[in-house]
């Protein structure tokens, strides 16, 4: 399949990962158009002719794509709004997007522009959080895999978008346990006298995702009256009788991760109707 080469000018790791995964599934090659675009990372840059200075490196990439037999209808342009530019540069680019569209290619705009918006509206960082949260929620509402993941108790927009960004549909893992091990949620095992002993969780892999799943588990544990409404409620009730709360949270986080993998791999919602429960 012919693919576009796309540069993602996105400073949020989770959001950049999500966009890269989504564009990759759509058949695009997510990368930098050309080395000239790397200069945009140095902030703030100075431009003699803003549109020309932004477009020329991008068009160099277009020519590279054409030489690689990538058709024009698979090419997108990202002017890098909010990336290595002064506020006035960003505002001018927004005002002149039509000139970039006149080049004949769709224009890709990075979704997260917290710093640029903050500077423009003179908002401190702690007042920009709502914008990021709304952005994540909007993405989760239009992504089918995120919607399915949010049918799991404790999993909301943040976890669903982070998981989809990290593993897409989970094809890299043969089973849910492998995903749990990748997250570092599976206990270490050793044996003595021929008897297997389970130790602490390995804490390998993605610390960010592991933390999110543990937080989701802790939220569920705070409301034991809801446990019976979940398909894993009986297991959770019995486990709570014999496990310390921290071990229980890790075990539940592992179970949630395995459920999440199964949902992504098989494309089906969780088997319990979603009830009102706080989610991450």
Protein backbone atom coordinates (compact mmCIF):
# COMPACT_ATOMS: atom_id res chain seq x y z
CA UNK A 1 0.00 0.00 0.00
CA UNK A 2 1.29 3.48 -0.85
CA UNK A 3 1.89 5.61 2.18
CA UNK A 4 2.38 9.25 3.03
CA UNK A 5 5.35 10.42 5.00
CA UNK A 6 4.01 12.50 7.87
CA UNK A 7 5.82 14.60 10.43
CA UNK A 8 4.09 14.86 13.79
CA UNK A 9 4.93 18.15 15.51
CA UNK A 10 3.52 17.08 18.88
CA UNK A 11 5.24 17.66 22.23
CA UNK A 12 2.95 15.40 24.26
CA UNK A 13 4.36 11.84 24.24
CA UNK A 14 1.03 10.07 24.71
CA UNK A 15 -0.74 12.19 22.13
CA UNK A 16 2.10 11.82 19.64
CA UNK A 17 1.97 8.05 20.11
CA UNK A 18 -1.78 7.96 19.63
CA UNK A 19 -1.65 10.03 16.45
CA UNK A 20 1.25 8.00 15.08
CA UNK A 21 -0.61 4.74 15.71
CA UNK A 22 -3.83 6.04 14.16
CA UNK A 23 -2.06 7.40 11.08
CA UNK A 24 -0.09 4.19 10.76
CA UNK A 25 -3.28 2.12 10.74
CA UNK A 26 -4.58 4.43 8.01
CA UNK A 27 -1.63 3.45 5.85
CA UNK A 28 0.70 6.41 6.38
CA UNK A 29 4.40 6.35 7.19
CA UNK A 30 4.78 8.66 10.19
CA UNK A 31 8.15 10.35 9.94
CA UNK A 32 9.81 13.69 9.19
CA UNK A 33 9.33 15.03 5.68
CA UNK A 34 12.98 16.06 5.40
CA UNK A 35 15.92 17.08 7.54
CA UNK A 36 14.95 20.70 7.08
CA UNK A 37 11.90 20.18 9.29
CA UNK A 38 14.10 19.32 12.26
CA UNK A 39 15.12 22.97 12.41
CA UNK A 40 11.59 23.80 13.51
CA UNK A 41 12.30 22.12 16.84
CA UNK A 42 14.55 24.98 17.92
CA UNK A 43 12.29 27.57 19.54
CA UNK A 44 11.74 30.25 18.65
CA UNK A 45 12.89 30.34 15.02
CA UNK A 46 13.21 33.48 12.95
CA UNK A 47 11.51 33.61 9.55
CA UNK A 48 12.11 36.03 6.72
CA UNK A 49 9.10 34.85 4.73
CA UNK A 50 7.00 32.69 7.07
CA UNK A 51 4.95 30.70 4.57
CA UNK A 52 7.89 30.17 2.22
CA UNK A 53 10.22 29.13 5.03
CA UNK A 54 7.68 26.63 6.35
CA UNK A 55 6.53 25.24 3.03
CA UNK A 56 9.87 24.77 1.24
CA UNK A 57 11.19 21.96 3.51
CA UNK A 58 7.78 20.31 3.33
CA UNK A 59 7.75 20.43 -0.46
CA UNK A 60 11.24 18.89 -0.46
CA UNK A 61 9.65 15.99 1.38
CA UNK A 62 6.83 15.87 -1.13
CA UNK A 63 9.35 15.45 -3.93
CA UNK A 64 11.06 12.66 -1.98
CA UNK A 65 7.70 10.96 -1.57
CA UNK A 66 6.95 11.26 -5.27
CA UNK A 67 10.33 9.78 -6.17
CA UNK A 68 9.41 6.89 -3.87
CA UNK A 69 6.24 6.41 -5.99
CA UNK A 70 3.91 7.62 -3.24
CA UNK A 71 0.85 9.16 -4.93
CA UNK A 72 -0.19 12.71 -4.10
CA UNK A 73 -3.47 11.57 -2.56
CA UNK A 74 -1.46 9.84 0.22
CA UNK A 75 0.54 12.94 1.19
CA UNK A 76 -0.33 15.35 4.01
CA UNK A 77 1.36 18.60 5.05
CA UNK A 78 1.85 19.74 8.65
CA UNK A 79 2.92 23.39 9.00
CA UNK A 80 4.00 22.77 12.60
CA UNK A 81 1.72 25.25 14.35
CA UNK A 82 2.83 25.70 17.95
CA UNK A 83 6.17 24.01 17.29
CA UNK A 84 9.29 26.15 17.49
CA UNK A 85 7.51 29.38 16.67
CA UNK A 86 6.58 32.64 18.31
CA UNK A 87 2.95 33.36 19.09
CA UNK A 88 2.72 35.80 16.20
CA UNK A 89 4.06 33.12 13.84
CA UNK A 90 1.38 30.66 14.96
CA UNK A 91 -1.39 33.20 14.57
CA UNK A 92 -0.16 34.16 11.10
CA UNK A 93 -0.01 30.51 10.05
CA UNK A 94 -3.58 29.93 11.21
CA UNK A 95 -4.68 33.03 9.32
CA UNK A 96 -2.90 31.86 6.15
CA UNK A 97 -3.67 28.13 6.16
CA UNK A 98 -5.50 28.64 2.89
CA UNK A 99 -2.20 29.40 1.18
CA UNK A 100 -0.79 26.07 2.34
CA UNK A 101 -3.93 24.26 1.20
CA UNK A 102 -3.48 25.87 -2.22
CA UNK A 103 -0.46 23.60 -2.65
CA UNK A 104 -2.96 20.82 -3.26
CA UNK A 105 -2.43 18.64 -0.17
CA UNK A 106 -4.52 18.14 2.98
CA UNK A 107 -3.16 20.08 5.96
CA UNK A 108 -2.51 18.15 9.16
CA UNK A 109 -2.62 20.13 12.41
CA UNK A 110 -1.33 18.67 15.66
CA UNK A 111 -4.16 18.42 18.16
CA UNK A 112 -2.30 19.48 21.30
CA UNK A 113 -1.03 23.03 21.44
CA UNK A 114 -1.04 23.69 25.18
CA UNK A 115 1.92 26.08 25.27
CA UNK A 116 0.81 28.08 22.26
CA UNK A 117 -2.75 28.39 23.58
CA UNK A 118 -1.46 29.26 27.02
CA UNK A 119 0.77 32.03 25.75
CA UNK A 120 -1.94 33.37 23.46
CA UNK A 121 -4.55 33.50 26.24
CA UNK A 122 -2.00 34.34 28.95
CA UNK A 123 -2.93 31.23 30.96
CA UNK A 124 -0.57 29.55 33.47
CA UNK A 125 0.11 25.81 32.96
CA UNK A 126 -2.34 24.67 35.64
CA UNK A 127 -5.19 26.36 33.76
CA UNK A 128 -4.42 24.55 30.50
CA UNK A 129 -5.19 21.07 31.85
CA UNK A 130 -8.85 21.25 30.92
CA UNK A 131 -7.96 21.78 27.28
CA UNK A 132 -5.76 18.69 27.23
CA UNK A 133 -8.41 16.63 29.01
CA UNK A 134 -11.07 17.73 26.53
CA UNK A 135 -8.74 16.83 23.68
CA UNK A 136 -8.21 13.31 25.01
CA UNK A 137 -11.93 12.84 25.60
CA UNK A 138 -12.72 13.99 22.07
CA UNK A 139 -10.25 11.51 20.58
CA UNK A 140 -11.59 8.66 22.71
CA UNK A 141 -15.13 9.36 21.49
CA UNK A 142 -14.22 8.97 17.81
CA UNK A 143 -11.92 5.94 18.11
CA UNK A 144 -13.75 2.60 18.14
CA UNK A 145 -11.08 0.73 20.09
CA UNK A 146 -11.11 3.42 22.78
CA UNK A 147 -14.89 3.14 23.03
CA UNK A 148 -14.65 -0.60 23.53
CA UNK A 149 -11.96 -0.25 26.18
CA UNK A 150 -14.08 2.25 28.08
CA UNK A 151 -16.69 -0.48 28.58
CA UNK A 152 -14.28 -1.92 31.18
CA UNK A 153 -14.79 -0.65 34.76
CA UNK A 154 -12.14 1.88 35.73
CA UNK A 155 -10.97 2.55 32.18
CA UNK A 156 -11.76 5.99 30.81
CA UNK A 157 -10.42 8.29 28.07
CA UNK A 158 -6.88 8.60 29.45
CA UNK A 159 -6.19 4.87 29.75
CA UNK A 160 -8.03 3.92 26.58
CA UNK A 161 -6.14 6.39 24.38
CA UNK A 162 -2.82 5.51 26.03
CA UNK A 163 -3.34 1.77 25.49
CA UNK A 164 -4.41 2.16 21.87
CA UNK A 165 -1.42 4.43 21.25
CA UNK A 166 0.93 1.89 22.79
CA UNK A 167 -0.29 -1.43 21.37
CA UNK A 168 -2.90 -0.61 18.72
CA UNK A 169 -4.98 -3.82 18.51
CA UNK A 170 -2.58 -5.88 20.63
CA UNK A 171 -1.29 -8.09 17.82
CA UNK A 172 2.25 -7.87 19.23
CA UNK A 173 1.20 -10.05 22.17
CA UNK A 174 0.12 -13.67 21.88
CA UNK A 175 -2.05 -13.53 25.01
CA UNK A 176 -3.17 -11.19 27.74
CA UNK A 177 -0.58 -12.46 30.18
CA UNK A 178 2.15 -11.33 27.80
CA UNK A 179 0.71 -7.82 27.80
CA UNK A 180 0.56 -7.86 31.61
CA UNK A 181 4.19 -8.98 31.71
CA UNK A 182 5.15 -6.20 29.31
CA UNK A 183 3.54 -3.72 31.69
CA UNK A 184 5.45 -5.20 34.63
CA UNK A 185 2.26 -6.35 36.40
CA UNK A 186 3.11 -10.07 36.51
CA UNK A 187 4.75 -11.40 39.71
CA UNK A 188 8.31 -12.64 39.56
CA UNK A 189 8.51 -16.39 39.99
CA UNK A 190 11.15 -18.55 41.63
CA UNK A 191 11.12 -21.96 43.25
CA UNK A 192 12.51 -23.51 46.38
CA UNK A 193 12.29 -27.18 47.22
CA UNK A 194 10.37 -27.74 44.02
CA UNK A 195 7.63 -25.32 45.14
CA UNK A 196 6.96 -22.26 42.93
CA UNK A 197 6.95 -18.97 44.82
CA UNK A 198 5.40 -15.75 43.53
CA UNK A 199 7.32 -12.60 44.36
CA UNK A 200 6.71 -8.93 43.73
CA UNK A 201 5.62 -7.62 40.36
CA UNK A 202 8.52 -7.10 37.97
CA UNK A 203 7.79 -3.40 37.29
CA UNK A 204 9.26 -3.77 33.82
CA UNK A 205 7.94 -2.20 30.66
CA UNK A 206 5.82 0.93 30.45
CA UNK A 207 5.76 2.66 33.82
CA UNK A 208 3.17 5.16 32.56
CA UNK A 209 0.64 2.51 31.51
CA UNK A 210 1.33 0.40 34.59
CA UNK A 211 0.59 3.37 36.81
CA UNK A 212 -2.66 4.09 34.97
CA UNK A 213 -3.91 0.52 35.37
CA UNK A 214 -3.01 0.51 39.07
CA UNK A 215 -4.92 3.77 39.52
CA UNK A 216 -7.94 2.24 37.77
CA UNK A 217 -7.73 -0.78 40.08
CA UNK A 218 -7.53 1.43 43.17
CA UNK A 219 -10.65 3.30 42.09
CA UNK A 220 -12.57 0.03 41.76
CA UNK A 221 -11.30 -1.17 45.15
CA UNK A 222 -12.66 1.98 46.80
CA UNK A 223 -16.23 0.89 45.97
CA UNK A 224 -16.69 -2.76 47.08
CA UNK A 225 -20.48 -2.42 46.83
CA UNK A 226 -20.08 -2.38 43.04
CA UNK A 227 -17.93 -5.52 42.80
CA UNK A 228 -20.84 -7.92 42.40
CA UNK A 229 -21.90 -6.05 39.26
CA UNK A 230 -18.67 -6.99 37.47
CA UNK A 231 -17.99 -10.33 35.81
CA UNK A 232 -14.79 -10.56 37.87
CA UNK A 233 -16.63 -9.58 41.07
CA UNK A 234 -16.56 -13.04 42.65
CA UNK A 235 -12.82 -13.34 42.04
CA UNK A 236 -12.22 -9.87 43.48
CA UNK A 237 -14.27 -10.57 46.59
CA UNK A 238 -12.33 -13.76 47.35
CA UNK A 239 -8.98 -12.16 46.56
CA UNK A 240 -9.73 -9.27 48.93
CA UNK A 241 -10.01 -11.75 51.82
CA UNK A 242 -6.47 -13.07 51.44
CA UNK A 243 -4.43 -10.26 49.86
CA UNK A 244 -2.95 -7.07 51.22
CA UNK A 245 -4.54 -4.04 49.56
CA UNK A 246 -1.40 -3.21 47.57
CA UNK A 247 -1.08 -6.76 46.22
CA UNK A 248 -4.78 -6.76 45.47
CA UNK A 249 -4.47 -3.53 43.50
CA UNK A 250 -1.58 -4.99 41.46
CA UNK A 251 -3.50 -8.21 40.81
CA UNK A 252 -6.61 -6.32 39.73
CA UNK A 253 -4.54 -4.00 37.52
CA UNK A 254 -3.10 -7.08 35.83
CA UNK A 255 -6.59 -8.48 35.28
CA UNK A 256 -7.79 -5.17 33.81
CA UNK A 257 -4.79 -5.10 31.47
CA UNK A 258 -5.51 -8.64 30.28
CA UNK A 259 -9.17 -7.77 29.72
CA UNK A 260 -8.08 -4.67 27.76
CA UNK A 261 -5.83 -6.78 25.53
CA UNK A 262 -8.63 -9.29 24.89
CA UNK A 263 -11.03 -6.50 23.91
CA UNK A 264 -8.55 -4.97 21.46
CA UNK A 265 -7.52 -8.32 20.01
CA UNK A 266 -11.06 -9.60 19.45
CA UNK A 267 -12.84 -6.29 18.81
CA UNK A 268 -15.59 -6.89 21.38
CA UNK A 269 -16.91 -4.86 24.29
CA UNK A 270 -16.49 -5.98 27.89
CA UNK A 271 -19.06 -8.60 28.86
CA UNK A 272 -20.60 -6.56 31.67
CA UNK A 273 -22.88 -3.58 31.05
CA UNK A 274 -21.04 -0.42 32.03
CA UNK A 275 -22.27 1.06 35.29
CA UNK A 276 -21.60 4.47 36.77
CA UNK A 277 -18.04 4.19 38.08
CA UNK A 278 -15.16 6.64 38.11
CA UNK A 279 -12.64 5.90 35.39
CA UNK A 280 -9.18 7.11 34.43
